[in-house]
Amino acid sequence: MVHALSDTNRQERRPHSEVTSDVKFAWADGSVHFRAMAAEGRCERKIVRKDLAIGICFQNPGSAVQWHLDGKPVLNKIWPSSGGSRDLIILPAGHEFVGRCRGSGQGLWLFIDPQSINLNSRIKAFAERARTDCSWAHDRLSWTIATELRKECRTGFPRGLMFIESASMALLAQLAYVFDKAAAPESQPFRALSQPKLSLVLEYIDSNLDHNVTLAELASLVELTPRYFCEVFRRAMGRPPHQFQIEQRIERAKSLLHRPLLRLSDIALMVGFSSQSHLNVYFRRIVGVTPARYRSEALSAQSGRYDVPSYAAAAEISKTL
């Protein structure tokens, strides 16, 4: 059994009642760890291991998830009441993972000794690349195996060691096949994005302008591969998803700039930019002036039509925002 360099769990302001299940099961070449959290749960987990780790996040609607891989953010989601998270991370040996979650849901982790998969070149190549993905669940076999593993953990491992070990290795093999297939040239014929699906994507982008929404996230909403989705979105909207998201962020920023008490740095973060200077670059590129200039001109035009409220009155208004 390969032991962890570091595998710590920290719960912030978490009463014991918020953990509804926390179980582990090990075999010669690996182990599985399952944790379920209640609606008010908050947890933080840091992992650096010598073996391959596969983590699956089954978060329920209304929950929030943040992931960092080797110090860089790779996932930041707040799910609305209409959806939940099925995100997956592949963590090869030596990479650092830090995850934070809020709200109800479950986390399933598989830890597998790399030496046990070295004879299969496809699985070995898959296990050596760190990645996150939320489209894997559209593969029926991968989803079935993962949900059966979760069920086994929740019910106390009634099928025993042979099932856990076999299912874990089967999931690893199927994921390697799915990701390898996704990297192959697109073979499906082109079809346009239907209006309901396009509306779903546009609504998701609008609801998450303050987050770095990935192409894989958007593609998973309409059950397409990321590359194929990018093409159908470009045909539907006239520009790729990333450019469209930037334009929507600028439109939201323009609206917020009409609120004189909001600082430019705060507006930048509210619309998903990392800093005020980051906002300045894209705002000037799209609008033609800086955010400060745009605000000055907008407020000047507004003052010509309406009485400008006093600072005290503006402060009272801001409390209601």
C-alpha atoms as a PDB file:
ATOM      1  CA  MET A   1       0.000   0.000   0.000  1.00  0.00           C
ATOM      2  CA  VAL A   2       1.371   3.391  -0.947  1.00  0.00           C
ATOM      3  CA  HIS A   3       1.086   5.906   1.878  1.00  0.00           C
ATOM      4  CA  ALA A   4       0.450   9.625   1.530  1.00  0.00           C
ATOM      5  CA  LEU A   5       3.084  12.304   1.779  1.00  0.00           C
ATOM      6  CA  SER A   6       0.305  14.505   3.092  1.00  0.00           C
ATOM      7  CA  ASP A   7      -3.432  13.988   3.208  1.00  0.00           C
ATOM      8  CA  THR A   8      -5.075  16.319   5.677  1.00  0.00           C
ATOM      9  CA  ASN A   9      -8.671  17.327   6.216  1.00  0.00           C
ATOM     10  CA  ARG A  10      -9.742  20.540   7.922  1.00  0.00           C
ATOM     11  CA  GLN A  11     -13.354  21.517   8.626  1.00  0.00           C
ATOM     12  CA  GLU A  12     -14.000  25.198   9.287  1.00  0.00           C
ATOM     13  CA  ARG A  13     -16.767  25.977  11.806  1.00  0.00           C
ATOM     14  CA  ARG A  14     -18.177  22.489  11.276  1.00  0.00           C
ATOM     15  CA  PRO A  15     -20.230  20.850  14.061  1.00  0.00           C
ATOM     16  CA  HIS A  16     -19.939  17.079  14.145  1.00  0.00           C
ATOM     17  CA  SER A  17     -23.545  16.748  12.940  1.00  0.00           C
ATOM     18  CA  GLU A  18     -22.610  18.280   9.583  1.00  0.00           C
ATOM     19  CA  VAL A  19     -20.634  15.148   8.579  1.00  0.00           C
ATOM     20  CA  THR A  20     -23.246  12.522   7.805  1.00  0.00           C
ATOM     21  CA  SER A  21     -20.769   9.872   6.612  1.00  0.00           C
ATOM     22  CA  ASP A  22     -16.979   9.476   6.580  1.00  0.00           C
ATOM     23  CA  VAL A  23     -15.698   6.042   5.554  1.00  0.00           C
ATOM     24  CA  LYS A  24     -12.502   4.500   4.162  1.00  0.00           C
ATOM     25  CA  PHE A  25     -11.663   1.132   2.635  1.00  0.00           C
ATOM     26  CA  ALA A  26      -8.224  -0.113   1.534  1.00  0.00           C
ATOM     27  CA  TRP A  27      -6.786  -2.976  -0.498  1.00  0.00           C
ATOM     28  CA  ALA A  28      -3.245  -3.980  -1.525  1.00  0.00           C
ATOM     29  CA  ASP A  29      -2.808  -1.391  -4.309  1.00  0.00           C
ATOM     30  CA  GLY A  30      -5.223   1.338  -3.337  1.00  0.00           C
ATOM     31  CA  SER A  31      -7.953   2.761  -1.153  1.00  0.00           C
ATOM     32  CA  VAL A  32     -11.252   4.623  -1.324  1.00  0.00           C
ATOM     33  CA  HIS A  33     -12.453   7.476   0.895  1.00  0.00           C
ATOM     34  CA  PHE A  34     -16.045   8.743   0.948  1.00  0.00           C
ATOM     35  CA  ARG A  35     -17.430  11.724   2.856  1.00  0.00           C
ATOM     36  CA  ALA A  36     -20.957  13.149   2.918  1.00  0.00           C
ATOM     37  CA  MET A  37     -21.776  16.636   4.210  1.00  0.00           C
ATOM     38  CA  ALA A  38     -25.035  18.156   5.422  1.00  0.00           C
ATOM     39  CA  ALA A  39     -26.549  21.334   3.962  1.00  0.00           C
ATOM     40  CA  GLU A  40     -24.733  23.580   6.446  1.00  0.00           C
ATOM     41  CA  GLY A  41     -21.423  21.787   5.982  1.00  0.00           C
ATOM     42  CA  ARG A  42     -18.110  23.445   5.174  1.00  0.00           C
ATOM     43  CA  CYS A  43     -14.877  21.568   4.574  1.00  0.00           C
ATOM     44  CA  GLU A  44     -11.351  22.055   3.293  1.00  0.00           C
ATOM     45  CA  ARG A  45      -9.102  19.262   2.078  1.00  0.00           C
ATOM     46  CA  LYS A  46      -5.422  19.300   1.095  1.00  0.00           C
ATOM     47  CA  ILE A  47      -3.848  16.340  -0.706  1.00  0.00           C
ATOM     48  CA  VAL A  48      -0.292  15.641  -1.851  1.00  0.00           C
ATOM     49  CA  ARG A  49       0.330  11.937  -2.456  1.00  0.00           C
ATOM     50  CA  LYS A  50       2.764   9.434  -3.950  1.00  0.00           C
ATOM     51  CA  ASP A  51      -0.054   7.592  -5.699  1.00  0.00           C
ATOM     52  CA  LEU A  52      -2.679   8.474  -8.293  1.00  0.00           C
ATOM     53  CA  ALA A  53      -5.752  10.201  -6.860  1.00  0.00           C
ATOM     54  CA  ILE A  54      -9.127  10.476  -8.587  1.00  0.00           C
ATOM     55  CA  GLY A  55     -11.610  12.760  -6.867  1.00  0.00           C
ATOM     56  CA  ILE A  56     -15.293  13.142  -7.755  1.00  0.00           C
ATOM     57  CA  CYS A  57     -17.445  15.898  -6.297  1.00  0.00           C
ATOM     58  CA  PHE A  58     -21.166  15.104  -6.019  1.00  0.00           C
ATOM     59  CA  GLN A  59     -22.374  18.491  -4.742  1.00  0.00           C
ATOM     60  CA  ASN A  60     -26.095  19.221  -4.505  1.00  0.00           C
ATOM     61  CA  PRO A  61     -27.944  22.322  -5.816  1.00  0.00           C
ATOM     62  CA  GLY A  62     -27.136  25.505  -3.931  1.00  0.00           C
ATOM     63  CA  SER A  63     -23.627  24.417  -2.924  1.00  0.00           C
ATOM     64  CA  ALA A  64     -20.272  26.014  -3.718  1.00  0.00           C
ATOM     65  CA  VAL A  65     -16.957  24.399  -4.670  1.00  0.00           C
ATOM     66  CA  GLN A  66     -13.430  25.781  -5.093  1.00  0.00           C
ATOM     67  CA  TRP A  67     -10.446  23.735  -6.280  1.00  0.00           C
ATOM     68  CA  HIS A  68      -6.774  24.677  -6.554  1.00  0.00           C
ATOM     69  CA  LEU A  69      -4.229  22.506  -8.368  1.00  0.00           C
ATOM     70  CA  ASP A  70      -0.578  23.219  -7.589  1.00  0.00           C
ATOM     71  CA  GLY A  71      -1.557  26.631  -6.254  1.00  0.00           C
ATOM     72  CA  LYS A  72      -3.633  27.654  -9.281  1.00  0.00           C
ATOM     73  CA  PRO A  73      -7.462  27.893  -9.281  1.00  0.00           C
ATOM     74  CA  VAL A  74      -9.044  25.277 -11.571  1.00  0.00           C
ATOM     75  CA  LEU A  75     -12.645  25.285 -10.357  1.00  0.00           C
ATOM     76  CA  ASN A  76     -14.904  27.884  -8.743  1.00  0.00           C
ATOM     77  CA  LYS A  77     -18.614  27.104  -8.873  1.00  0.00           C
ATOM     78  CA  ILE A  78     -21.730  28.234  -7.072  1.00  0.00           C
ATOM     79  CA  TRP A  79     -24.527  26.027  -8.346  1.00  0.00           C
ATOM     80  CA  PRO A  80     -28.074  27.420  -8.631  1.00  0.00           C
ATOM     81  CA  SER A  81     -31.138  25.579  -7.377  1.00  0.00           C
ATOM     82  CA  SER A  82     -31.521  23.860 -10.746  1.00  0.00           C
ATOM     83  CA  GLY A  83     -28.253  21.937 -10.828  1.00  0.00           C
ATOM     84  CA  GLY A  84     -25.402  20.296  -8.954  1.00  0.00           C
ATOM     85  CA  SER A  85     -21.745  19.507  -9.407  1.00  0.00           C
ATOM     86  CA  ARG A  86     -20.319  16.303 -10.891  1.00  0.00           C
ATOM     87  CA  ASP A  87     -16.759  17.551 -11.255  1.00  0.00           C
ATOM     88  CA  LEU A  88     -13.783  15.226 -11.377  1.00  0.00           C
ATOM     89  CA  ILE A  89     -10.062  15.753 -10.827  1.00  0.00           C
ATOM     90  CA  ILE A  90      -7.160  13.527 -11.829  1.00  0.00           C
ATOM     91  CA  LEU A  91      -4.230  14.071  -9.473  1.00  0.00           C
ATOM     92  CA  PRO A  92      -0.972  12.295 -10.413  1.00  0.00           C
ATOM     93  CA  ALA A  93       1.674  11.610  -7.803  1.00  0.00           C
ATOM     94  CA  GLY A  94       3.355  14.682  -6.356  1.00  0.00           C
ATOM     95  CA  HIS A  95       0.738  17.253  -7.380  1.00  0.00           C
ATOM     96  CA  GLU A  96      -0.969  19.358  -4.714  1.00  0.00           C
ATOM     97  CA  PHE A  97      -4.743  19.655  -4.451  1.00  0.00           C
ATOM     98  CA  VAL A  98      -6.639  22.041  -2.161  1.00  0.00           C
ATOM     99  CA  GLY A  99     -10.419  21.839  -2.208  1.00  0.00           C
ATOM    100  CA  ARG A 100     -13.071  23.825  -0.353  1.00  0.00           C
ATOM    101  CA  CYS A 101     -16.791  23.153  -0.411  1.00  0.00           C
ATOM    102  CA  ARG A 102     -19.902  24.588   1.195  1.00  0.00           C
ATOM    103  CA  GLY A 103     -23.304  22.940   1.279  1.00  0.00           C
ATOM    104  CA  SER A 104     -24.616  19.419   1.053  1.00  0.00           C
ATOM    105  CA  GLY A 105     -23.020  16.757  -1.098  1.00  0.00           C
ATOM    106  CA  GLN A 106     -20.508  13.923  -1.198  1.00  0.00           C
ATOM    107  CA  GLY A 107     -16.878  13.511  -2.128  1.00  0.00           C
ATOM    108  CA  LEU A 108     -15.486  10.222  -3.472  1.00  0.00           C
ATOM    109  CA  TRP A 109     -11.707   9.705  -3.663  1.00  0.00           C
ATOM    110  CA  LEU A 110      -9.835   6.753  -5.161  1.00  0.00           C
ATOM    111  CA  PHE A 111      -6.113   6.316  -4.479  1.00  0.00           C
ATOM    112  CA  ILE A 112      -4.278   3.840  -6.732  1.00  0.00           C
ATOM    113  CA  ASP A 113      -0.652   2.700  -6.719  1.00  0.00           C
ATOM    114  CA  PRO A 114       0.873   3.754 -10.105  1.00  0.00           C
ATOM    115  CA  GLN A 115       2.882   0.529 -10.212  1.00  0.00           C
ATOM    116  CA  SER A 116      -0.356  -1.436 -10.569  1.00  0.00           C
ATOM    117  CA  ILE A 117      -1.206   0.302 -13.870  1.00  0.00           C
ATOM    118  CA  ASN A 118       2.217   0.552 -15.541  1.00  0.00           C
ATOM    119  CA  LEU A 119       1.543  -2.366 -17.901  1.00  0.00           C
ATOM    120  CA  ASN A 120      -1.224  -0.493 -19.738  1.00  0.00           C
ATOM    121  CA  SER A 121       0.181   2.369 -21.822  1.00  0.00           C
ATOM    122  CA  ARG A 122      -3.160   4.169 -22.261  1.00  0.00           C
ATOM    123  CA  ILE A 123      -4.002   4.140 -18.548  1.00  0.00           C
ATOM    124  CA  LYS A 124      -0.418   5.029 -17.624  1.00  0.00           C
ATOM    125  CA  ALA A 125      -0.504   8.081 -19.931  1.00  0.00           C
ATOM    126  CA  PHE A 126      -3.894   9.088 -18.539  1.00  0.00           C
ATOM    127  CA  ALA A 127      -2.646   8.799 -14.952  1.00  0.00           C
ATOM    128  CA  GLU A 128       0.360  11.047 -15.583  1.00  0.00           C
ATOM    129  CA  ARG A 129      -1.593  14.162 -16.571  1.00  0.00           C
ATOM    130  CA  ALA A 130      -3.365  16.357 -14.005  1.00  0.00           C
ATOM    131  CA  ARG A 131      -6.754  17.598 -15.172  1.00  0.00           C
ATOM    132  CA  THR A 132     -10.272  18.571 -14.114  1.00  0.00           C
ATOM    133  CA  ASP A 133     -13.442  17.743 -16.004  1.00  0.00           C
ATOM    134  CA  CYS A 134     -17.222  17.824 -15.611  1.00  0.00           C
ATOM    135  CA  SER A 135     -18.233  16.128 -18.871  1.00  0.00           C
ATOM    136  CA  TRP A 136     -17.140  12.618 -17.825  1.00  0.00           C
ATOM    137  CA  ALA A 137     -20.567  11.928 -16.265  1.00  0.00           C
ATOM    138  CA  HIS A 138     -22.166  11.899 -19.730  1.00  0.00           C
ATOM    139  CA  ASP A 139     -20.399   8.589 -20.352  1.00  0.00           C
ATOM    140  CA  ARG A 140     -22.963   6.069 -19.134  1.00  0.00           C
ATOM    141  CA  LEU A 141     -20.498   3.412 -18.027  1.00  0.00           C
ATOM    142  CA  SER A 142     -18.260   5.841 -16.115  1.00  0.00           C
ATOM    143  CA  TRP A 143     -21.304   7.272 -14.352  1.00  0.00           C
ATOM    144  CA  THR A 144     -22.672   3.833 -13.489  1.00  0.00           C
ATOM    145  CA  ILE A 145     -19.397   2.619 -11.990  1.00  0.00           C
ATOM    146  CA  ALA A 146     -18.882   5.829  -9.999  1.00  0.00           C
ATOM    147  CA  THR A 147     -22.415   5.828  -8.597  1.00  0.00           C
ATOM    148  CA  GLU A 148     -22.121   2.145  -7.670  1.00  0.00           C
ATOM    149  CA  LEU A 149     -18.882   2.886  -5.820  1.00  0.00           C
ATOM    150  CA  ARG A 150     -20.598   5.734  -4.014  1.00  0.00           C
ATOM    151  CA  LYS A 151     -23.520   3.452  -3.118  1.00  0.00           C
ATOM    152  CA  GLU A 152     -21.113   0.807  -1.828  1.00  0.00           C
ATOM    153  CA  CYS A 153     -19.445   3.344   0.463  1.00  0.00           C
ATOM    154  CA  ARG A 154     -22.765   4.686   1.736  1.00  0.00           C
ATOM    155  CA  THR A 155     -24.088   1.204   2.587  1.00  0.00           C
ATOM    156  CA  GLY A 156     -21.019  -0.113   4.417  1.00  0.00           C
ATOM    157  CA  PHE A 157     -19.260  -2.081   1.619  1.00  0.00           C
ATOM    158  CA  PRO A 158     -21.681  -5.050   1.464  1.00  0.00           C
ATOM    159  CA  ARG A 159     -20.052  -6.436  -1.703  1.00  0.00           C
ATOM    160  CA  GLY A 160     -16.628  -6.421  -0.102  1.00  0.00           C
ATOM    161  CA  LEU A 161     -13.029  -6.027  -1.176  1.00  0.00           C
ATOM    162  CA  MET A 162     -13.257  -7.723  -4.574  1.00  0.00           C
ATOM    163  CA  PHE A 163     -16.002  -5.389  -5.780  1.00  0.00           C
ATOM    164  CA  ILE A 164     -14.311  -2.198  -4.551  1.00  0.00           C
ATOM    165  CA  GLU A 165     -10.964  -3.087  -6.113  1.00  0.00           C
ATOM    166  CA  SER A 166     -12.471  -4.284  -9.404  1.00  0.00           C
ATOM    167  CA  ALA A 167     -14.843  -1.319  -9.726  1.00  0.00           C
ATOM    168  CA  SER A 168     -12.076   1.176  -8.965  1.00  0.00           C
ATOM    169  CA  MET A 169      -9.806  -0.274 -11.631  1.00  0.00           C
ATOM    170  CA  ALA A 170     -12.725  -0.473 -14.090  1.00  0.00           C
ATOM    171  CA  LEU A 171     -13.516   3.206 -13.517  1.00  0.00           C
ATOM    172  CA  LEU A 172      -9.876   4.130 -14.068  1.00  0.00           C
ATOM    173  CA  ALA A 173      -9.768   2.144 -17.324  1.00  0.00           C
ATOM    174  CA  GLN A 174     -13.048   3.606 -18.586  1.00  0.00           C
ATOM    175  CA  LEU A 175     -12.043   7.189 -17.781  1.00  0.00           C
ATOM    176  CA  ALA A 176      -8.766   6.680 -19.634  1.00  0.00           C
ATOM    177  CA  TYR A 177     -10.743   5.399 -22.625  1.00  0.00           C
ATOM    178  CA  VAL A 178     -13.248   8.284 -22.492  1.00  0.00           C
ATOM    179  CA  PHE A 179     -10.578  10.974 -22.284  1.00  0.00           C
ATOM    180  CA  ASP A 180      -8.513   9.332 -25.008  1.00  0.00           C
ATOM    181  CA  LYS A 181     -11.602   9.170 -27.229  1.00  0.00           C
ATOM    182  CA  ALA A 182     -12.427  12.822 -26.547  1.00  0.00           C
ATOM    183  CA  ALA A 183      -8.944  13.807 -27.720  1.00  0.00           C
ATOM    184  CA  ALA A 184      -9.462  12.019 -31.070  1.00  0.00           C
ATOM    185  CA  PRO A 185     -10.639  13.963 -34.150  1.00  0.00           C
ATOM    186  CA  GLU A 186     -14.314  14.869 -34.047  1.00  0.00           C
ATOM    187  CA  SER A 187     -16.350  12.343 -35.997  1.00  0.00           C
ATOM    188  CA  GLN A 188     -19.914  13.450 -35.264  1.00  0.00           C
ATOM    189  CA  PRO A 189     -21.695  15.408 -38.020  1.00  0.00           C
ATOM    190  CA  PHE A 190     -22.245  19.095 -37.406  1.00  0.00           C
ATOM    191  CA  ARG A 191     -25.576  20.083 -35.910  1.00  0.00           C
ATOM    192  CA  ALA A 192     -26.717  23.479 -34.735  1.00  0.00           C
ATOM    193  CA  LEU A 193     -27.250  24.311 -31.081  1.00  0.00           C
ATOM    194  CA  SER A 194     -31.001  24.326 -30.412  1.00  0.00           C
ATOM    195  CA  GLN A 195     -32.572  27.465 -28.981  1.00  0.00           C
ATOM    196  CA  PRO A 196     -33.428  25.898 -25.584  1.00  0.00           C
ATOM    197  CA  LYS A 197     -29.866  24.639 -25.181  1.00  0.00           C
ATOM    198  CA  LEU A 198     -28.404  27.956 -26.324  1.00  0.00           C
ATOM    199  CA  SER A 199     -30.633  29.762 -23.808  1.00  0.00           C
ATOM    200  CA  LEU A 200     -29.430  27.407 -21.068  1.00  0.00           C
ATOM    201  CA  VAL A 201     -25.800  28.193 -21.890  1.00  0.00           C
ATOM    202  CA  LEU A 202     -26.398  31.953 -22.081  1.00  0.00           C
ATOM    203  CA  GLU A 203     -28.240  31.920 -18.757  1.00  0.00           C
ATOM    204  CA  TYR A 204     -25.398  29.975 -17.142  1.00  0.00           C
ATOM    205  CA  ILE A 205     -22.805  32.440 -18.438  1.00  0.00           C
ATOM    206  CA  ASP A 206     -24.867  35.391 -17.198  1.00  0.00           C
ATOM    207  CA  SER A 207     -25.276  33.808 -13.742  1.00  0.00           C
ATOM    208  CA  ASN A 208     -21.548  33.146 -13.386  1.00  0.00           C
ATOM    209  CA  LEU A 209     -19.893  36.274 -14.763  1.00  0.00           C
ATOM    210  CA  ASP A 210     -17.862  36.587 -11.564  1.00  0.00           C
ATOM    211  CA  HIS A 211     -16.414  33.085 -12.079  1.00  0.00           C
ATOM    212  CA  ASN A 212     -13.967  31.646 -14.598  1.00  0.00           C
ATOM    213  CA  VAL A 213     -16.400  29.348 -16.379  1.00  0.00           C
ATOM    214  CA  THR A 214     -14.558  26.679 -18.346  1.00  0.00           C
ATOM    215  CA  LEU A 215     -15.350  25.429 -21.809  1.00  0.00           C
ATOM    216  CA  ALA A 216     -15.867  21.951 -20.369  1.00  0.00           C
ATOM    217  CA  GLU A 217     -18.537  23.275 -17.986  1.00  0.00           C
ATOM    218  CA  LEU A 218     -20.517  24.886 -20.793  1.00  0.00           C
ATOM    219  CA  ALA A 219     -20.139  21.876 -23.056  1.00  0.00           C
ATOM    220  CA  SER A 220     -21.398  19.545 -20.328  1.00  0.00           C
ATOM    221  CA  LEU A 221     -24.609  21.568 -20.020  1.00  0.00           C
ATOM    222  CA  VAL A 222     -25.600  20.563 -23.549  1.00  0.00           C
ATOM    223  CA  GLU A 223     -23.852  17.167 -23.616  1.00  0.00           C
ATOM    224  CA  LEU A 224     -21.235  18.013 -26.237  1.00  0.00           C
ATOM    225  CA  THR A 225     -17.467  17.686 -26.291  1.00  0.00           C
ATOM    226  CA  PRO A 226     -15.705  20.999 -25.539  1.00  0.00           C
ATOM    227  CA  ARG A 227     -14.244  21.321 -29.034  1.00  0.00           C
ATOM    228  CA  TYR A 228     -17.556  20.606 -30.775  1.00  0.00           C
ATOM    229  CA  PHE A 229     -19.429  22.931 -28.421  1.00  0.00           C
ATOM    230  CA  CYS A 230     -17.007  25.766 -29.135  1.00  0.00           C
ATOM    231  CA  GLU A 231     -17.746  25.467 -32.856  1.00  0.00           C
ATOM    232  CA  VAL A 232     -21.549  25.336 -32.544  1.00  0.00           C
ATOM    233  CA  PHE A 233     -21.529  28.255 -30.101  1.00  0.00           C
ATOM    234  CA  ARG A 234     -19.392  30.329 -32.472  1.00  0.00           C
ATOM    235  CA  ARG A 235     -21.785  29.605 -35.312  1.00  0.00           C
ATOM    236  CA  ALA A 236     -24.774  30.551 -33.171  1.00  0.00           C
ATOM    237  CA  MET A 237     -23.364  33.713 -31.577  1.00  0.00           C
ATOM    238  CA  GLY A 238     -20.756  34.858 -34.094  1.00  0.00           C
ATOM    239  CA  ARG A 239     -17.868  34.597 -31.631  1.00  0.00           C
ATOM    240  CA  PRO A 240     -16.309  31.952 -29.381  1.00  0.00           C
ATOM    241  CA  PRO A 241     -17.571  31.433 -25.798  1.00  0.00           C
ATOM    242  CA  HIS A 242     -14.594  33.141 -24.147  1.00  0.00           C
ATOM    243  CA  GLN A 243     -15.011  36.332 -26.171  1.00  0.00           C
ATOM    244  CA  PHE A 244     -18.757  36.346 -25.524  1.00  0.00           C
ATOM    245  CA  GLN A 245     -18.176  35.997 -21.784  1.00  0.00           C
ATOM    246  CA  ILE A 246     -15.739  38.920 -21.784  1.00  0.00           C
ATOM    247  CA  GLU A 247     -18.266  41.091 -23.634  1.00  0.00           C
ATOM    248  CA  GLN A 248     -20.987  40.198 -21.130  1.00  0.00           C
ATOM    249  CA  ARG A 249     -18.682  41.074 -18.258  1.00  0.00           C
ATOM    250  CA  ILE A 250     -18.055  44.478 -19.793  1.00  0.00           C
ATOM    251  CA  GLU A 251     -21.798  45.059 -20.209  1.00  0.00           C
ATOM    252  CA  ARG A 252     -22.324  44.185 -16.543  1.00  0.00           C
ATOM    253  CA  ALA A 253     -19.460  46.512 -15.578  1.00  0.00           C
ATOM    254  CA  LYS A 254     -21.045  49.364 -17.556  1.00  0.00           C
ATOM    255  CA  SER A 255     -24.225  48.939 -15.556  1.00  0.00           C
ATOM    256  CA  LEU A 256     -22.368  48.878 -12.232  1.00  0.00           C
ATOM    257  CA  LEU A 257     -20.383  52.002 -13.130  1.00  0.00           C
ATOM    258  CA  HIS A 258     -23.611  54.004 -12.806  1.00  0.00           C
ATOM    259  CA  ARG A 259     -23.442  53.350  -9.050  1.00  0.00           C
ATOM    260  CA  PRO A 260     -21.083  56.098  -7.814  1.00  0.00           C
ATOM    261  CA  LEU A 261     -20.337  54.470  -4.448  1.00  0.00           C
ATOM    262  CA  LEU A 262     -18.922  51.277  -5.949  1.00  0.00           C
ATOM    263  CA  ARG A 263     -15.136  51.293  -6.270  1.00  0.00           C
ATOM    264  CA  LEU A 264     -13.620  50.357  -9.603  1.00  0.00           C
ATOM    265  CA  SER A 265     -11.589  47.575  -7.977  1.00  0.00           C
ATOM    266  CA  ASP A 266     -14.761  46.080  -6.488  1.00  0.00           C
ATOM    267  CA  ILE A 267     -16.564  46.257  -9.826  1.00  0.00           C
ATOM    268  CA  ALA A 268     -13.674  44.429 -11.471  1.00  0.00           C
ATOM    269  CA  LEU A 269     -14.012  41.509  -9.034  1.00  0.00           C
ATOM    270  CA  MET A 270     -17.811  41.509  -9.285  1.00  0.00           C
ATOM    271  CA  VAL A 271     -17.628  40.866 -13.033  1.00  0.00           C
ATOM    272  CA  GLY A 272     -14.889  38.251 -12.930  1.00  0.00           C
ATOM    273  CA  PHE A 273     -11.700  40.217 -13.599  1.00  0.00           C
ATOM    274  CA  SER A 274      -8.703  39.594 -11.364  1.00  0.00           C
ATOM    275  CA  SER A 275      -7.927  43.281 -10.814  1.00  0.00           C
ATOM    276  CA  GLN A 276      -8.888  46.816 -11.805  1.00  0.00           C
ATOM    277  CA  SER A 277      -6.069  46.936 -14.351  1.00  0.00           C
ATOM    278  CA  HIS A 278      -7.374  43.696 -15.893  1.00  0.00           C
ATOM    279  CA  LEU A 279     -10.795  45.321 -16.249  1.00  0.00           C
ATOM    280  CA  ASN A 280      -9.215  48.476 -17.713  1.00  0.00           C
ATOM    281  CA  VAL A 281      -7.538  46.533 -20.529  1.00  0.00           C
ATOM    282  CA  TYR A 282     -10.688  44.808 -21.775  1.00  0.00           C
ATOM    283  CA  PHE A 283     -13.018  47.733 -21.067  1.00  0.00           C
ATOM    284  CA  ARG A 284     -10.916  50.123 -23.107  1.00  0.00           C
ATOM    285  CA  ARG A 285     -10.505  47.562 -25.877  1.00  0.00           C
ATOM    286  CA  ILE A 286     -14.272  47.037 -26.214  1.00  0.00           C
ATOM    287  CA  VAL A 287     -15.781  50.387 -25.171  1.00  0.00           C
ATOM    288  CA  GLY A 288     -12.977  52.685 -26.315  1.00  0.00           C
ATOM    289  CA  VAL A 289     -12.478  54.510 -22.999  1.00  0.00           C
ATOM    290  CA  THR A 290     -11.365  53.544 -19.505  1.00  0.00           C
ATOM    291  CA  PRO A 291     -13.973  52.605 -16.855  1.00  0.00           C
ATOM    292  CA  ALA A 292     -13.186  55.812 -14.949  1.00  0.00           C
ATOM    293  CA  ARG A 293     -13.787  57.933 -18.052  1.00  0.00           C
ATOM    294  CA  TYR A 294     -16.975  56.050 -18.869  1.00  0.00           C
ATOM    295  CA  ARG A 295     -18.275  56.588 -15.307  1.00  0.00           C
ATOM    296  CA  SER A 296     -17.400  60.283 -15.361  1.00  0.00           C
ATOM    297  CA  GLU A 297     -19.219  60.837 -18.641  1.00  0.00           C
ATOM    298  CA  ALA A 298     -22.209  58.730 -17.592  1.00  0.00           C
ATOM    299  CA  LEU A 299     -22.645  60.521 -14.255  1.00  0.00           C
ATOM    300  CA  SER A 300     -22.153  63.892 -15.911  1.00  0.00           C
ATOM    301  CA  ALA A 301     -24.894  63.122 -18.419  1.00  0.00           C
ATOM    302  CA  GLN A 302     -27.108  61.859 -15.632  1.00  0.00           C
ATOM    303  CA  SER A 303     -26.622  64.997 -13.552  1.00  0.00           C
ATOM    304  CA  GLY A 304     -27.907  67.060 -16.459  1.00  0.00           C
ATOM    305  CA  ARG A 305     -31.238  65.224 -16.360  1.00  0.00           C
ATOM    306  CA  TYR A 306     -31.734  64.517 -12.676  1.00  0.00           C
ATOM    307  CA  ASP A 307     -30.815  66.035  -9.358  1.00  0.00           C
ATOM    308  CA  VAL A 308     -27.670  64.381  -8.042  1.00  0.00           C
ATOM    309  CA  PRO A 309     -28.440  62.858  -4.608  1.00  0.00           C
ATOM    310  CA  SER A 310     -26.430  63.957  -1.624  1.00  0.00           C
ATOM    311  CA  TYR A 311     -23.747  61.638  -0.283  1.00  0.00           C
ATOM    312  CA  ALA A 312     -25.910  60.785   2.711  1.00  0.00           C
ATOM    313  CA  ALA A 313     -28.835  59.932   0.466  1.00  0.00           C
ATOM    314  CA  ALA A 314     -26.577  57.868  -1.802  1.00  0.00           C
ATOM    315  CA  ALA A 315     -25.271  56.010   1.217  1.00  0.00           C
ATOM    316  CA  GLU A 316     -28.822  55.133   2.259  1.00  0.00           C
ATOM    317  CA  ILE A 317     -29.571  53.920  -1.261  1.00  0.00           C
ATOM    318  CA  SER A 318     -26.440  51.762  -1.303  1.00  0.00           C
ATOM    319  CA  LYS A 319     -27.611  49.887   1.796  1.00  0.00           C
ATOM    320  CA  THR A 320     -30.518  48.496  -0.180  1.00  0.00           C
ATOM    321  CA  LEU A 321     -28.334  47.213  -3.060  1.00  0.00           C
END
